[in-house]
PDB file of N, CA and C in Angstrom:
ATOM      1  N   ALA A   1     154.378-102.221 -38.720  1.00  0.00           N
ATOM      2  CA  ALA A   1     154.242-100.938 -38.058  1.00  0.00           C
ATOM      3  C   ALA A   1     155.606-100.437 -37.566  1.00  0.00           C
ATOM      4  N   GLN A   2     156.538-101.375 -37.291  1.00  0.00           N
ATOM      5  CA  GLN A   2     157.857-100.954 -36.811  1.00  0.00           C
ATOM      6  C   GLN A   2     158.618-100.201 -37.898  1.00  0.00           C
ATOM      7  N   TYR A   3     158.424-100.583 -39.149  1.00  0.00           N
ATOM      8  CA  TYR A   3     159.080 -99.856 -40.233  1.00  0.00           C
ATOM      9  C   TYR A   3     158.504 -98.449 -40.354  1.00  0.00           C
ATOM     10  N   CYS A   4     157.195 -98.324 -40.199  1.00  0.00           N
ATOM     11  CA  CYS A   4     156.567 -96.997 -40.231  1.00  0.00           C
ATOM     12  C   CYS A   4     157.128 -96.116 -39.125  1.00  0.00           C
ATOM     13  N   ARG A   5     157.323 -96.685 -37.964  1.00  0.00           N
ATOM     14  CA  ARG A   5     157.878 -95.917 -36.850  1.00  0.00           C
ATOM     15  C   ARG A   5     159.291 -95.442 -37.179  1.00  0.00           C
ATOM     16  N   ALA A   6     160.084 -96.313 -37.772  1.00  0.00           N
ATOM     17  CA  ALA A   6     161.456 -95.941 -38.126  1.00  0.00           C
ATOM     18  C   ALA A   6     161.467 -94.834 -39.179  1.00  0.00           C
ATOM     19  N   VAL A   7     160.570 -94.919 -40.153  1.00  0.00           N
ATOM     20  CA  VAL A   7     160.462 -93.877 -41.178  1.00  0.00           C
ATOM     21  C   VAL A   7     160.037 -92.560 -40.529  1.00  0.00           C
ATOM     22  N   TYR A   8     159.072 -92.638 -39.633  1.00  0.00           N
ATOM     23  CA  TYR A   8     158.617 -91.450 -38.893  1.00  0.00           C
ATOM     24  C   TYR A   8     159.765 -90.848 -38.083  1.00  0.00           C
ATOM     25  N   ASP A   9     160.494 -91.693 -37.366  1.00  0.00           N
ATOM     26  CA  ASP A   9     161.620 -91.221 -36.556  1.00  0.00           C
ATOM     27  C   ASP A   9     162.705 -90.570 -37.413  1.00  0.00           C
ATOM     28  N   ALA A  10     162.773 -90.967 -38.692  1.00  0.00           N
ATOM     29  CA  ALA A  10     163.756 -90.387 -39.614  1.00  0.00           C
ATOM     30  C   ALA A  10     163.275 -89.051 -40.185  1.00  0.00           C
ATOM     31  N   GLY A  11     162.060 -88.640 -39.814  1.00  0.00           N
ATOM     32  CA  GLY A  11     161.571 -87.332 -40.243  1.00  0.00           C
ATOM     33  C   GLY A  11     160.602 -87.343 -41.402  1.00  0.00           C
ATOM     34  N   PHE A  12     160.098 -88.513 -41.755  1.00  0.00           N
ATOM     35  CA  PHE A  12     159.153 -88.627 -42.861  1.00  0.00           C
ATOM     36  C   PHE A  12     157.768 -88.987 -42.341  1.00  0.00           C
ATOM     37  N   ALA A  13     156.760 -88.769 -43.161  1.00  0.00           N
ATOM     38  CA  ALA A  13     155.386 -89.160 -42.825  1.00  0.00           C
ATOM     39  C   ALA A  13     155.090 -90.473 -43.547  1.00  0.00           C
ATOM     40  N   PRO A  14     155.123 -91.597 -42.842  1.00  0.00           N
ATOM     41  CA  PRO A  14     154.923 -92.892 -43.502  1.00  0.00           C
ATOM     42  C   PRO A  14     153.479 -93.107 -43.944  1.00  0.00           C
ATOM     43  N   ILE A  15     153.344 -93.656 -45.145  1.00  0.00           N
ATOM     44  CA  ILE A  15     152.045 -94.083 -45.666  1.00  0.00           C
ATOM     45  C   ILE A  15     152.236 -95.528 -46.096  1.00  0.00           C
ATOM     46  N   CYS A  16     151.555 -96.448 -45.445  1.00  0.00           N
ATOM     47  CA  CYS A  16     151.753 -97.870 -45.715  1.00  0.00           C
ATOM     48  C   CYS A  16     150.417 -98.539 -46.029  1.00  0.00           C
ATOM     49  N   PRO A  17     150.052 -98.601 -47.316  1.00  0.00           N
ATOM     50  CA  PRO A  17     148.782 -99.224 -47.689  1.00  0.00           C
ATOM     51  C   PRO A  17     148.659-100.670 -47.214  1.00  0.00           C
ATOM     52  N   ALA A  18     149.774-101.379 -47.131  1.00  0.00           N
ATOM     53  CA  ALA A  18     149.719-102.785 -46.700  1.00  0.00           C
ATOM     54  C   ALA A  18     149.217-102.922 -45.270  1.00  0.00           C
ATOM     55  N   LEU A  19     149.355-101.868 -44.476  1.00  0.00           N
ATOM     56  CA  LEU A  19     148.874-101.917 -43.094  1.00  0.00           C
ATOM     57  C   LEU A  19     147.393-101.580 -42.962  1.00  0.00           C
ATOM     58  N   PHE A  20     146.926-100.590 -43.731  1.00  0.00           N
ATOM     59  CA  PHE A  20     145.551-100.154 -43.491  1.00  0.00           C
ATOM     60  C   PHE A  20     144.527-100.632 -44.512  1.00  0.00           C
ATOM     61  N   LEU A  21     144.914-100.921 -45.736  1.00  0.00           N
ATOM     62  CA  LEU A  21     143.921-101.365 -46.724  1.00  0.00           C
ATOM     63  C   LEU A  21     143.251-102.687 -46.349  1.00  0.00           C
ATOM     64  N   PRO A  22     143.975-103.662 -45.785  1.00  0.00           N
ATOM     65  CA  PRO A  22     143.312-104.916 -45.389  1.00  0.00           C
ATOM     66  C   PRO A  22     142.263-104.742 -44.285  1.00  0.00           C
ATOM     67  N   LEU A  23     142.248-103.589 -43.634  1.00  0.00           N
ATOM     68  CA  LEU A  23     141.241-103.348 -42.603  1.00  0.00           C
ATOM     69  C   LEU A  23     139.844-103.203 -43.194  1.00  0.00           C
ATOM     70  N   PHE A  24     139.771-102.808 -44.482  1.00  0.00           N
ATOM     71  CA  PHE A  24     138.449-102.636 -45.086  1.00  0.00           C
ATOM     72  C   PHE A  24     138.307-103.227 -46.484  1.00  0.00           C
ATOM     73  N   LEU A  25     139.387-103.736 -47.055  1.00  0.00           N
ATOM     74  CA  LEU A  25     139.313-104.406 -48.350  1.00  0.00           C
ATOM     75  C   LEU A  25     139.717-105.869 -48.200  1.00  0.00           C
ATOM     76  N   ASN A  26     138.963-106.748 -48.856  1.00  0.00           N
ATOM     77  CA  ASN A  26     139.222-108.183 -48.802  1.00  0.00           C
ATOM     78  C   ASN A  26     139.997-108.585 -50.050  1.00  0.00           C
ATOM     79  N   ASP A  27     141.252-108.963 -49.873  1.00  0.00           N
ATOM     80  CA  ASP A  27     142.119-109.327 -50.993  1.00  0.00           C
ATOM     81  C   ASP A  27     141.622-110.560 -51.744  1.00  0.00           C
ATOM     82  N   ALA A  28     140.787-111.373 -51.115  1.00  0.00           N
ATOM     83  CA  ALA A  28     140.259-112.579 -51.763  1.00  0.00           C
ATOM     84  C   ALA A  28     139.144-112.254 -52.756  1.00  0.00           C
ATOM     85  N   VAL A  29     138.604-111.051 -52.685  1.00  0.00           N
ATOM     86  CA  VAL A  29     137.561-110.609 -53.621  1.00  0.00           C
ATOM     87  C   VAL A  29     138.266-109.869 -54.757  1.00  0.00           C
ATOM     88  N   PRO A  30     138.208-110.402 -55.991  1.00  0.00           N
ATOM     89  CA  PRO A  30     138.981-109.823 -57.095  1.00  0.00           C
ATOM     90  C   PRO A  30     138.802-108.310 -57.271  1.00  0.00           C
ATOM     91  N   GLU A  31     137.593-107.823 -57.185  1.00  0.00           N
ATOM     92  CA  GLU A  31     137.354-106.389 -57.364  1.00  0.00           C
ATOM     93  C   GLU A  31     138.033-105.575 -56.251  1.00  0.00           C
ATOM     94  N   GLU A  32     137.980-106.086 -55.030  1.00  0.00           N
ATOM     95  CA  GLU A  32     138.610-105.383 -53.913  1.00  0.00           C
ATOM     96  C   GLU A  32     140.132-105.483 -53.986  1.00  0.00           C
ATOM     97  N   HIS A  33     140.636-106.605 -54.482  1.00  0.00           N
ATOM     98  CA  HIS A  33     142.081-106.754 -54.689  1.00  0.00           C
ATOM     99  C   HIS A  33     142.569-105.698 -55.680  1.00  0.00           C
ATOM    100  N   LYS A  34     141.831-105.540 -56.794  1.00  0.00           N
ATOM    101  CA  LYS A  34     142.185-104.525 -57.789  1.00  0.00           C
ATOM    102  C   LYS A  34     142.098-103.125 -57.187  1.00  0.00           C
ATOM    103  N   SER A  35     141.064-102.876 -56.392  1.00  0.00           N
ATOM    104  CA  SER A  35     140.934-101.567 -55.736  1.00  0.00           C
ATOM    105  C   SER A  35     142.125-101.296 -54.824  1.00  0.00           C
ATOM    106  N   SER A  36     142.573-102.317 -54.122  1.00  0.00           N
ATOM    107  CA  SER A  36     143.723-102.185 -53.234  1.00  0.00           C
ATOM    108  C   SER A  36     144.970-101.777 -54.017  1.00  0.00           C
ATOM    109  N   ILE A  37     145.188-102.418 -55.149  1.00  0.00           N
ATOM    110  CA  ILE A  37     146.332-102.079 -56.002  1.00  0.00           C
ATOM    111  C   ILE A  37     146.198-100.653 -56.519  1.00  0.00           C
ATOM    112  N   ASP A  38     145.002-100.297 -56.981  1.00  0.00           N
ATOM    113  CA  ASP A  38     144.767 -98.951 -57.517  1.00  0.00           C
ATOM    114  C   ASP A  38     144.985 -97.870 -56.459  1.00  0.00           C
ATOM    115  N   ILE A  39     144.483 -98.100 -55.255  1.00  0.00           N
ATOM    116  CA  ILE A  39     144.650 -97.128 -54.168  1.00  0.00           C
ATOM    117  C   ILE A  39     146.132 -96.985 -53.813  1.00  0.00           C
ATOM    118  N   GLY A  40     146.826 -98.111 -53.721  1.00  0.00           N
ATOM    119  CA  GLY A  40     148.257 -98.073 -53.421  1.00  0.00           C
ATOM    120  C   GLY A  40     149.041 -97.296 -54.465  1.00  0.00           C
ATOM    121  N   ARG A  41     148.713 -97.499 -55.743  1.00  0.00           N
ATOM    122  CA  ARG A  41     149.401 -96.783 -56.824  1.00  0.00           C
ATOM    123  C   ARG A  41     149.084 -95.290 -56.785  1.00  0.00           C
ATOM    124  N   ASP A  42     147.839 -94.959 -56.472  1.00  0.00           N
ATOM    125  CA  ASP A  42     147.466 -93.549 -56.364  1.00  0.00           C
ATOM    126  C   ASP A  42     148.259 -92.871 -55.243  1.00  0.00           C
ATOM    127  N   LEU A  43     148.384 -93.548 -54.122  1.00  0.00           N
ATOM    128  CA  LEU A  43     149.169 -92.996 -53.011  1.00  0.00           C
ATOM    129  C   LEU A  43     150.643 -92.854 -53.391  1.00  0.00           C
ATOM    130  N   LEU A  44     151.159 -93.823 -54.138  1.00  0.00           N
ATOM    131  CA  LEU A  44     152.554 -93.756 -54.581  1.00  0.00           C
ATOM    132  C   LEU A  44     152.762 -92.551 -55.495  1.00  0.00           C
ATOM    133  N   ARG A  45     151.824 -92.318 -56.409  1.00  0.00           N
ATOM    134  CA  ARG A  45     151.937 -91.176 -57.324  1.00  0.00           C
ATOM    135  C   ARG A  45     152.003 -89.842 -56.575  1.00  0.00           C
ATOM    136  N   ARG A  46     151.413 -89.780 -55.401  1.00  0.00           N
ATOM    137  CA  ARG A  46     151.389 -88.549 -54.608  1.00  0.00           C
ATOM    138  C   ARG A  46     152.620 -88.416 -53.697  1.00  0.00           C
ATOM    139  N   SER A  47     153.465 -89.423 -53.709  1.00  0.00           N
ATOM    140  CA  SER A  47     154.624 -89.460 -52.806  1.00  0.00           C
ATOM    141  C   SER A  47     155.859 -88.855 -53.460  1.00  0.00           C
ATOM    142  N   ARG A  48     156.798 -88.444 -52.626  1.00  0.00           N
ATOM    143  CA  ARG A  48     158.087 -87.947 -53.114  1.00  0.00           C
ATOM    144  C   ARG A  48     159.184 -88.983 -52.955  1.00  0.00           C
ATOM    145  N   VAL A  49     158.988 -89.918 -52.001  1.00  0.00           N
ATOM    146  CA  VAL A  49     159.998 -90.942 -51.725  1.00  0.00           C
ATOM    147  C   VAL A  49     159.300 -92.271 -51.478  1.00  0.00           C
ATOM    148  N   LEU A  50     159.833 -93.338 -52.059  1.00  0.00           N
ATOM    149  CA  LEU A  50     159.390 -94.702 -51.773  1.00  0.00           C
ATOM    150  C   LEU A  50     160.485 -95.350 -50.938  1.00  0.00           C
ATOM    151  N   VAL A  51     160.135 -95.772 -49.739  1.00  0.00           N
ATOM    152  CA  VAL A  51     161.097 -96.437 -48.864  1.00  0.00           C
ATOM    153  C   VAL A  51     160.770 -97.924 -48.847  1.00  0.00           C
ATOM    154  N   VAL A  52     161.708 -98.737 -49.314  1.00  0.00           N
ATOM    155  CA  VAL A  52     161.538-100.184 -49.358  1.00  0.00           C
ATOM    156  C   VAL A  52     162.112-100.762 -48.068  1.00  0.00           C
ATOM    157  N   CYS A  53     161.279-101.484 -47.332  1.00  0.00           N
ATOM    158  CA  CYS A  53     161.683-102.015 -46.027  1.00  0.00           C
ATOM    159  C   CYS A  53     161.686-103.541 -46.039  1.00  0.00           C
ATOM    160  N   GLY A  54     162.488-104.111 -45.173  1.00  0.00           N
ATOM    161  CA  GLY A  54     162.533-105.561 -45.032  1.00  0.00           C
ATOM    162  C   GLY A  54     163.709-106.158 -45.771  1.00  0.00           C
ATOM    163  N   HIS A  55     163.855-107.468 -45.609  1.00  0.00           N
ATOM    164  CA  HIS A  55     164.991-108.169 -46.213  1.00  0.00           C
ATOM    165  C   HIS A  55     164.623-108.867 -47.512  1.00  0.00           C
ATOM    166  N   THR A  56     163.328-108.982 -47.803  1.00  0.00           N
ATOM    167  CA  THR A  56     162.859-109.638 -49.017  1.00  0.00           C
ATOM    168  C   THR A  56     162.091-108.640 -49.864  1.00  0.00           C
ATOM    169  N   VAL A  57     162.423-108.569 -51.144  1.00  0.00           N
ATOM    170  CA  VAL A  57     161.702-107.694 -52.062  1.00  0.00           C
ATOM    171  C   VAL A  57     160.694-108.557 -52.816  1.00  0.00           C
ATOM    172  N   THR A  58     159.417-108.307 -52.562  1.00  0.00           N
ATOM    173  CA  THR A  58     158.344-109.080 -53.190  1.00  0.00           C
ATOM    174  C   THR A  58     158.083-108.566 -54.607  1.00  0.00           C
ATOM    175  N   GLU A  59     157.293-109.309 -55.363  1.00  0.00           N
ATOM    176  CA  GLU A  59     156.917-108.868 -56.709  1.00  0.00           C
ATOM    177  C   GLU A  59     156.161-107.543 -56.650  1.00  0.00           C
ATOM    178  N   SER A  60     155.300-107.409 -55.664  1.00  0.00           N
ATOM    179  CA  SER A  60     154.550-106.163 -55.492  1.00  0.00           C
ATOM    180  C   SER A  60     155.500-104.994 -55.241  1.00  0.00           C
ATOM    181  N   MET A  61     156.509-105.220 -54.423  1.00  0.00           N
ATOM    182  CA  MET A  61     157.491-104.173 -54.141  1.00  0.00           C
ATOM    183  C   MET A  61     158.288-103.834 -55.402  1.00  0.00           C
ATOM    184  N   LYS A  62     158.647-104.848 -56.178  1.00  0.00           N
ATOM    185  CA  LYS A  62     159.363-104.607 -57.437  1.00  0.00           C
ATOM    186  C   LYS A  62     158.523-103.751 -58.370  1.00  0.00           C
ATOM    187  N   ASN A  63     157.218-104.029 -58.421  1.00  0.00           N
ATOM    188  CA  ASN A  63     156.320-103.230 -59.253  1.00  0.00           C
ATOM    189  C   ASN A  63     156.266-101.788 -58.764  1.00  0.00           C
ATOM    190  N   ASP A  64     156.192-101.601 -57.449  1.00  0.00           N
ATOM    191  CA  ASP A  64     156.173-100.250 -56.883  1.00  0.00           C
ATOM    192  C   ASP A  64     157.464 -99.500 -57.211  1.00  0.00           C
ATOM    193  N   ILE A  65     158.590-100.188 -57.140  1.00  0.00           N
ATOM    194  CA  ILE A  65     159.879 -99.569 -57.467  1.00  0.00           C
ATOM    195  C   ILE A  65     159.892 -99.141 -58.931  1.00  0.00           C
ATOM    196  N   ALA A  66     159.397-100.000 -59.819  1.00  0.00           N
ATOM    197  CA  ALA A  66     159.352 -99.676 -61.247  1.00  0.00           C
ATOM    198  C   ALA A  66     158.449 -98.471 -61.508  1.00  0.00           C
ATOM    199  N   VAL A  67     157.295 -98.428 -60.855  1.00  0.00           N
ATOM    200  CA  VAL A  67     156.382 -97.285 -61.009  1.00  0.00           C
ATOM    201  C   VAL A  67     157.063 -96.016 -60.505  1.00  0.00           C
ATOM    202  N   ALA A  68     157.706 -96.097 -59.356  1.00  0.00           N
ATOM    203  CA  ALA A  68     158.405 -94.932 -58.800  1.00  0.00           C
ATOM    204  C   ALA A  68     159.469 -94.428 -59.777  1.00  0.00           C
ATOM    205  N   GLN A  69     160.224 -95.335 -60.367  1.00  0.00           N
ATOM    206  CA  GLN A  69     161.262 -94.934 -61.320  1.00  0.00           C
ATOM    207  C   GLN A  69     160.651 -94.229 -62.524  1.00  0.00           C
ATOM    208  N   ARG A  70     159.548 -94.784 -63.048  1.00  0.00           N
ATOM    209  CA  ARG A  70     158.884 -94.166 -64.203  1.00  0.00           C
ATOM    210  C   ARG A  70     158.367 -92.765 -63.879  1.00  0.00           C
ATOM    211  N   LEU A  71     157.945 -92.561 -62.640  1.00  0.00           N
ATOM    212  CA  LEU A  71     157.373 -91.276 -62.231  1.00  0.00           C
ATOM    213  C   LEU A  71     158.418 -90.300 -61.680  1.00  0.00           C
ATOM    214  N   GLY A  72     159.667 -90.731 -61.628  1.00  0.00           N
ATOM    215  CA  GLY A  72     160.722 -89.867 -61.113  1.00  0.00           C
ATOM    216  C   GLY A  72     160.695 -89.711 -59.602  1.00  0.00           C
ATOM    217  N   ILE A  73     160.138 -90.700 -58.912  1.00  0.00           N
ATOM    218  CA  ILE A  73     160.060 -90.694 -57.454  1.00  0.00           C
ATOM    219  C   ILE A  73     161.287 -91.422 -56.908  1.00  0.00           C
ATOM    220  N   THR A  74     161.950 -90.820 -55.953  1.00  0.00           N
ATOM    221  CA  THR A  74     163.123 -91.441 -55.338  1.00  0.00           C
ATOM    222  C   THR A  74     162.726 -92.740 -54.648  1.00  0.00           C
ATOM    223  N   ALA A  75     163.456 -93.799 -54.920  1.00  0.00           N
ATOM    224  CA  ALA A  75     163.249 -95.082 -54.243  1.00  0.00           C
ATOM    225  C   ALA A  75     164.529 -95.417 -53.485  1.00  0.00           C
ATOM    226  N   THR A  76     164.381 -95.742 -52.222  1.00  0.00           N
ATOM    227  CA  THR A  76     165.529 -96.071 -51.386  1.00  0.00           C
ATOM    228  C   THR A  76     165.109 -97.117 -50.357  1.00  0.00           C
ATOM    229  N   THR A  77     166.052 -97.526 -49.562  1.00  0.00           N
ATOM    230  CA  THR A  77     165.762 -98.480 -48.490  1.00  0.00           C
ATOM    231  C   THR A  77     165.672 -97.736 -47.161  1.00  0.00           C
ATOM    232  N   LEU A  78     165.149 -98.402 -46.171  1.00  0.00           N
ATOM    233  CA  LEU A  78     165.115 -97.819 -44.830  1.00  0.00           C
ATOM    234  C   LEU A  78     166.539 -97.533 -44.364  1.00  0.00           C
ATOM    235  N   GLU A  79     167.455 -98.441 -44.657  1.00  0.00           N
ATOM    236  CA  GLU A  79     168.848 -98.238 -44.277  1.00  0.00           C
ATOM    237  C   GLU A  79     169.412 -96.989 -44.946  1.00  0.00           C
ATOM    238  N   GLY A  80     169.024 -96.755 -46.194  1.00  0.00           N
ATOM    239  CA  GLY A  80     169.467 -95.554 -46.907  1.00  0.00           C
ATOM    240  C   GLY A  80     168.968 -94.283 -46.244  1.00  0.00           C
ATOM    241  N   ILE A  81     167.719 -94.284 -45.834  1.00  0.00           N
ATOM    242  CA  ILE A  81     167.135 -93.124 -45.142  1.00  0.00           C
ATOM    243  C   ILE A  81     167.871 -92.883 -43.823  1.00  0.00           C
ATOM    244  N   LEU A  82     168.103 -93.947 -43.078  1.00  0.00           N
ATOM    245  CA  LEU A  82     168.757 -93.805 -41.775  1.00  0.00           C
ATOM    246  C   LEU A  82     170.207 -93.368 -41.918  1.00  0.00           C
ATOM    247  N   THR A  83     170.883 -93.821 -42.981  1.00  0.00           N
ATOM    248  CA  THR A  83     172.267 -93.417 -43.232  1.00  0.00           C
ATOM    249  C   THR A  83     172.336 -91.924 -43.520  1.00  0.00           C
ATOM    250  N   VAL A  84     171.433 -91.445 -44.370  1.00  0.00           N
ATOM    251  CA  VAL A  84     171.407 -90.019 -44.704  1.00  0.00           C
ATOM    252  C   VAL A  84     171.097 -89.196 -43.463  1.00  0.00           C
ATOM    253  N   LYS A  85     170.137 -89.643 -42.667  1.00  0.00           N
ATOM    254  CA  LYS A  85     169.793 -88.925 -41.440  1.00  0.00           C
ATOM    255  C   LYS A  85     171.003 -88.855 -40.509  1.00  0.00           C
ATOM    256  N   GLY A  86     171.733 -89.951 -40.403  1.00  0.00           N
ATOM    257  CA  GLY A  86     172.904 -89.995 -39.535  1.00  0.00           C
ATOM    258  C   GLY A  86     174.017 -89.064 -39.987  1.00  0.00           C
ATOM    259  N   GLN A  87     174.106 -88.788 -41.288  1.00  0.00           N
ATOM    260  CA  GLN A  87     175.140 -87.885 -41.808  1.00  0.00           C
ATOM    261  C   GLN A  87     174.951 -86.473 -41.279  1.00  0.00           C
ATOM    262  N   GLY A  88     173.719 -86.094 -41.029  1.00  0.00           N
ATOM    263  CA  GLY A  88     173.442 -84.748 -40.541  1.00  0.00           C
ATOM    264  C   GLY A  88     173.829 -84.536 -39.088  1.00  0.00           C
ATOM    265  N   ARG A  89     174.186 -85.592 -38.408  1.00  0.00           N
ATOM    266  CA  ARG A  89     174.534 -85.494 -36.981  1.00  0.00           C
ATOM    267  C   ARG A  89     176.021 -85.312 -36.749  1.00  0.00           C
ATOM    268  N   ARG A  90     176.810 -85.366 -37.783  1.00  0.00           N
ATOM    269  CA  ARG A  90     178.269 -85.283 -37.606  1.00  0.00           C
ATOM    270  C   ARG A  90     178.736 -83.869 -37.525  1.00  0.00           C
TER     271      ARG A  90
END
């Protein structure tokens, strides 16, 4: 949730499926796991920017980055977003 707050503070509307999908989908149930992936991809397709947060890039994150690249969606890091935001303050 702290990454979502930082994205919000940078002027974006964060959408983080990893935070809310587990509230109603059980990853241990194969059909629900697939639904979780499908919902996440659908949300990504509707996005203009993918912000990758954290110090470790998981396989799931790598897949999201690849999908974003194929769809022409900008992929950046939280640090990249904050750097750009900071440039506007000079």
